[in-house]
Amino acid sequence: MKLRQNLKHLIHIQMEKRVKKVQQKMMKFMPLAFGFFFFVLSAGVNLYMVTSSLVGIAQQWYLMKNQPLPSRSPFKNKPAKA
């Protein structure tokens, strides 16, 4: 059973390394791709892409500010009973 857990943990670590490499490549490639899209596509499509991105960022900011993710502890920030 311990061997199985160790193997599972090792596989998880290897997958994380692969995911990080893919994310790094995406972070390098995506600005070039968006630059290409903005250069090739018409102004209306570019305006739509920029506007929808800004609205999505604002929406995410609003939700994270007003409705943060729940805490792992059910007792966090609860007043103590007297």
Protein backbone atom coordinates (compact mmCIF):
# COMPACT_ATOMS: atom_id res chain seq x y z
CA MET A 1 0.00 0.00 0.00
CA LYS A 2 2.85 2.38 0.84
CA LEU A 3 4.51 1.56 -2.49
CA ARG A 4 1.28 2.41 -4.30
CA GLN A 5 1.04 5.76 -2.52
CA ASN A 6 4.65 6.61 -3.30
CA LEU A 7 4.18 5.67 -6.95
CA LYS A 8 1.03 7.76 -7.16
CA HIS A 9 2.85 10.72 -5.61
CA LEU A 10 5.77 10.33 -8.03
CA ILE A 11 3.41 10.25 -11.03
CA HIS A 12 1.65 13.36 -9.70
CA ILE A 13 4.96 15.23 -9.41
CA GLN A 14 5.96 14.25 -12.96
CA MET A 15 2.61 15.43 -14.31
CA GLU A 16 3.00 18.77 -12.52
CA LYS A 17 6.39 19.26 -14.17
CA ARG A 18 4.91 18.58 -17.61
CA VAL A 19 2.01 20.94 -16.99
CA LYS A 20 4.41 23.70 -15.91
CA LYS A 21 6.43 23.29 -19.10
CA VAL A 22 3.28 23.50 -21.24
CA GLN A 23 2.09 26.58 -19.34
CA GLN A 24 5.46 28.28 -19.84
CA LYS A 25 5.28 27.62 -23.57
CA MET A 26 1.73 28.98 -23.68
CA MET A 27 2.79 32.15 -21.87
CA LYS A 28 5.48 32.70 -24.51
CA PHE A 29 3.28 31.80 -27.49
CA MET A 30 -0.04 33.48 -26.68
CA PRO A 31 1.12 37.12 -26.97
CA LEU A 32 2.47 36.30 -30.44
CA ALA A 33 -0.77 34.59 -31.39
CA PHE A 34 -2.90 37.51 -30.19
CA GLY A 35 -0.61 39.94 -31.99
CA PHE A 36 -1.13 37.95 -35.18
CA PHE A 37 -4.91 37.87 -34.66
CA PHE A 38 -5.04 41.63 -34.08
CA PHE A 39 -2.97 42.27 -37.18
CA VAL A 40 -4.91 39.94 -39.49
CA LEU A 41 -8.52 40.22 -38.32
CA SER A 42 -10.82 43.17 -38.86
CA ALA A 43 -11.19 45.98 -36.34
CA GLY A 44 -14.63 44.81 -35.19
CA VAL A 45 -13.34 41.39 -34.16
CA ASN A 46 -10.39 42.99 -32.39
CA LEU A 47 -12.70 45.36 -30.53
CA TYR A 48 -14.91 42.44 -29.52
CA MET A 49 -11.93 40.41 -28.25
CA VAL A 50 -10.52 43.30 -26.21
CA THR A 51 -13.91 44.28 -24.80
CA SER A 52 -14.87 40.74 -23.82
CA SER A 53 -11.47 40.22 -22.19
CA LEU A 54 -11.80 43.41 -20.15
CA VAL A 55 -15.35 42.52 -19.10
CA GLY A 56 -14.17 39.03 -18.06
CA ILE A 57 -11.31 40.49 -16.02
CA ALA A 58 -13.66 42.96 -14.31
CA GLN A 59 -16.17 40.21 -13.60
CA GLN A 60 -13.51 37.94 -12.10
CA TRP A 61 -12.16 40.79 -9.96
CA TYR A 62 -15.66 41.64 -8.71
CA LEU A 63 -16.48 38.04 -7.85
CA MET A 64 -13.17 37.44 -6.07
CA LYS A 65 -13.60 40.64 -4.07
CA ASN A 66 -17.24 40.16 -3.07
CA GLN A 67 -17.54 36.37 -3.00
CA PRO A 68 -14.16 34.88 -2.12
CA LEU A 69 -13.59 31.16 -2.23
CA PRO A 70 -14.76 29.38 0.92
CA SER A 71 -12.22 28.64 3.59
CA ARG A 72 -11.10 25.10 4.25
CA SER A 73 -12.01 25.53 7.89
CA PRO A 74 -15.71 25.76 8.76
CA PHE A 75 -14.81 27.72 11.92
CA LYS A 76 -12.76 30.52 10.35
CA ASN A 77 -13.86 34.04 11.30
CA LYS A 78 -16.72 32.82 13.48
CA PRO A 79 -17.07 34.48 16.87
CA ALA A 80 -16.53 32.27 19.89
CA LYS A 81 -19.60 31.39 21.91
CA ALA A 82 -19.63 32.71 25.46
